[in-house]
Amino acid sequence: MKATVWSKYNCPYCDQAKALLKMKGIPFEEKKIGDGYSKEDLLEAVPTARKVPQIFLGEELIGGFTELKAKLS
């Protein structure tokens, strides 16, 4: 299973989510807004997104860091 993390710079929850995935040994791809990706790209992937991170496990949208933590515990 591979994760996708939509993130942005200076986002503590994004950093915590990536650290948690690393700790659990789950490989992930980071799609960072402002670094090759735009807010529009995020909204295309997650039309309801109001904040980052937005995290997918495989094709399933998990949500943010709190939801990821709950899912992996």
C-alpha atoms as a PDB file:
ATOM      1  CA  MET A   1       0.000   0.000   0.000  1.00  0.00           C
ATOM      2  CA  LYS A   2       1.292   3.436  -0.932  1.00  0.00           C
ATOM      3  CA  ALA A   3       0.119   6.762   0.446  1.00  0.00           C
ATOM      4  CA  THR A   4      -0.189  10.157  -1.212  1.00  0.00           C
ATOM      5  CA  VAL A   5       0.176  13.260   0.939  1.00  0.00           C
ATOM      6  CA  TRP A   6      -0.980  16.629  -0.382  1.00  0.00           C
ATOM      7  CA  SER A   7       0.937  19.184   1.647  1.00  0.00           C
ATOM      8  CA  LYS A   8       2.354  22.700   1.676  1.00  0.00           C
ATOM      9  CA  TYR A   9       5.333  24.484   3.200  1.00  0.00           C
ATOM     10  CA  ASN A  10       5.301  25.386   6.922  1.00  0.00           C
ATOM     11  CA  CYS A  11       2.512  22.927   7.738  1.00  0.00           C
ATOM     12  CA  PRO A  12       3.077  21.120  11.072  1.00  0.00           C
ATOM     13  CA  TYR A  13       0.249  18.626  10.432  1.00  0.00           C
ATOM     14  CA  CYS A  14       1.778  17.757   7.054  1.00  0.00           C
ATOM     15  CA  ASP A  15       5.123  17.094   8.741  1.00  0.00           C
ATOM     16  CA  GLN A  16       3.477  14.975  11.451  1.00  0.00           C
ATOM     17  CA  ALA A  17       1.578  12.944   8.845  1.00  0.00           C
ATOM     18  CA  LYS A  18       4.775  12.245   6.861  1.00  0.00           C
ATOM     19  CA  ALA A  19       6.628  11.304  10.062  1.00  0.00           C
ATOM     20  CA  LEU A  20       3.831   8.902  11.045  1.00  0.00           C
ATOM     21  CA  LEU A  21       3.864   7.225   7.618  1.00  0.00           C
ATOM     22  CA  LYS A  22       7.668   6.846   7.818  1.00  0.00           C
ATOM     23  CA  MET A  23       7.395   5.393  11.333  1.00  0.00           C
ATOM     24  CA  LYS A  24       4.809   2.852  10.121  1.00  0.00           C
ATOM     25  CA  GLY A  25       6.969   1.974   7.103  1.00  0.00           C
ATOM     26  CA  ILE A  26       4.354   3.118   4.581  1.00  0.00           C
ATOM     27  CA  PRO A  27       5.897   4.531   1.394  1.00  0.00           C
ATOM     28  CA  PHE A  28       4.363   7.788   0.261  1.00  0.00           C
ATOM     29  CA  GLU A  29       4.446  10.320  -2.521  1.00  0.00           C
ATOM     30  CA  GLU A  30       4.303  13.943  -1.471  1.00  0.00           C
ATOM     31  CA  LYS A  31       2.445  16.434  -3.647  1.00  0.00           C
ATOM     32  CA  LYS A  32       3.499  19.804  -2.278  1.00  0.00           C
ATOM     33  CA  ILE A  33       1.498  22.886  -3.204  1.00  0.00           C
ATOM     34  CA  GLY A  34       3.899  25.542  -4.410  1.00  0.00           C
ATOM     35  CA  ASP A  35       6.429  22.922  -5.493  1.00  0.00           C
ATOM     36  CA  GLY A  36       5.099  21.574  -8.776  1.00  0.00           C
ATOM     37  CA  TYR A  37       1.478  21.411  -7.649  1.00  0.00           C
ATOM     38  CA  SER A  38      -1.193  24.082  -7.247  1.00  0.00           C
ATOM     39  CA  LYS A  39      -4.266  24.498  -5.071  1.00  0.00           C
ATOM     40  CA  GLU A  40      -6.283  23.756  -8.234  1.00  0.00           C
ATOM     41  CA  ASP A  41      -4.521  20.376  -8.589  1.00  0.00           C
ATOM     42  CA  LEU A  42      -5.476  19.544  -5.000  1.00  0.00           C
ATOM     43  CA  LEU A  43      -9.103  20.551  -5.578  1.00  0.00           C
ATOM     44  CA  GLU A  44      -9.188  18.368  -8.682  1.00  0.00           C
ATOM     45  CA  ALA A  45      -8.068  15.382  -6.558  1.00  0.00           C
ATOM     46  CA  VAL A  46     -10.146  16.314  -3.496  1.00  0.00           C
ATOM     47  CA  PRO A  47     -13.011  18.668  -4.457  1.00  0.00           C
ATOM     48  CA  THR A  48     -14.044  19.094  -0.802  1.00  0.00           C
ATOM     49  CA  ALA A  49     -10.527  19.966   0.470  1.00  0.00           C
ATOM     50  CA  ARG A  50     -10.436  23.034   2.703  1.00  0.00           C
ATOM     51  CA  LYS A  51      -7.013  22.407   4.257  1.00  0.00           C
ATOM     52  CA  VAL A  52      -3.899  20.269   4.035  1.00  0.00           C
ATOM     53  CA  PRO A  53      -2.724  17.661   4.503  1.00  0.00           C
ATOM     54  CA  GLN A  54      -5.094  15.578   2.410  1.00  0.00           C
ATOM     55  CA  ILE A  55      -3.959  11.970   2.656  1.00  0.00           C
ATOM     56  CA  PHE A  56      -4.788   8.976   0.500  1.00  0.00           C
ATOM     57  CA  LEU A  57      -3.967   5.376   1.385  1.00  0.00           C
ATOM     58  CA  GLY A  58      -4.005   3.680  -1.974  1.00  0.00           C
ATOM     59  CA  GLU A  59      -7.076   5.126  -3.707  1.00  0.00           C
ATOM     60  CA  GLU A  60      -8.962   5.812  -0.458  1.00  0.00           C
ATOM     61  CA  LEU A  61      -9.133   9.382   0.830  1.00  0.00           C
ATOM     62  CA  ILE A  62      -8.393   9.247   4.556  1.00  0.00           C
ATOM     63  CA  GLY A  63      -8.510  12.983   5.273  1.00  0.00           C
ATOM     64  CA  GLY A  64      -6.027  14.897   7.416  1.00  0.00           C
ATOM     65  CA  PHE A  65      -3.468  13.971  10.061  1.00  0.00           C
ATOM     66  CA  THR A  66      -6.048  13.238  12.789  1.00  0.00           C
ATOM     67  CA  GLU A  67      -7.918  10.811  10.517  1.00  0.00           C
ATOM     68  CA  LEU A  68      -4.674   9.158   9.421  1.00  0.00           C
ATOM     69  CA  LYS A  69      -3.606   8.687  13.042  1.00  0.00           C
ATOM     70  CA  ALA A  70      -6.984   7.087  13.891  1.00  0.00           C
ATOM     71  CA  LYS A  71      -6.850   4.835  10.818  1.00  0.00           C
ATOM     72  CA  LEU A  72      -3.335   3.557  11.578  1.00  0.00           C
ATOM     73  CA  SER A  73      -3.782   3.019  15.324  1.00  0.00           C
END
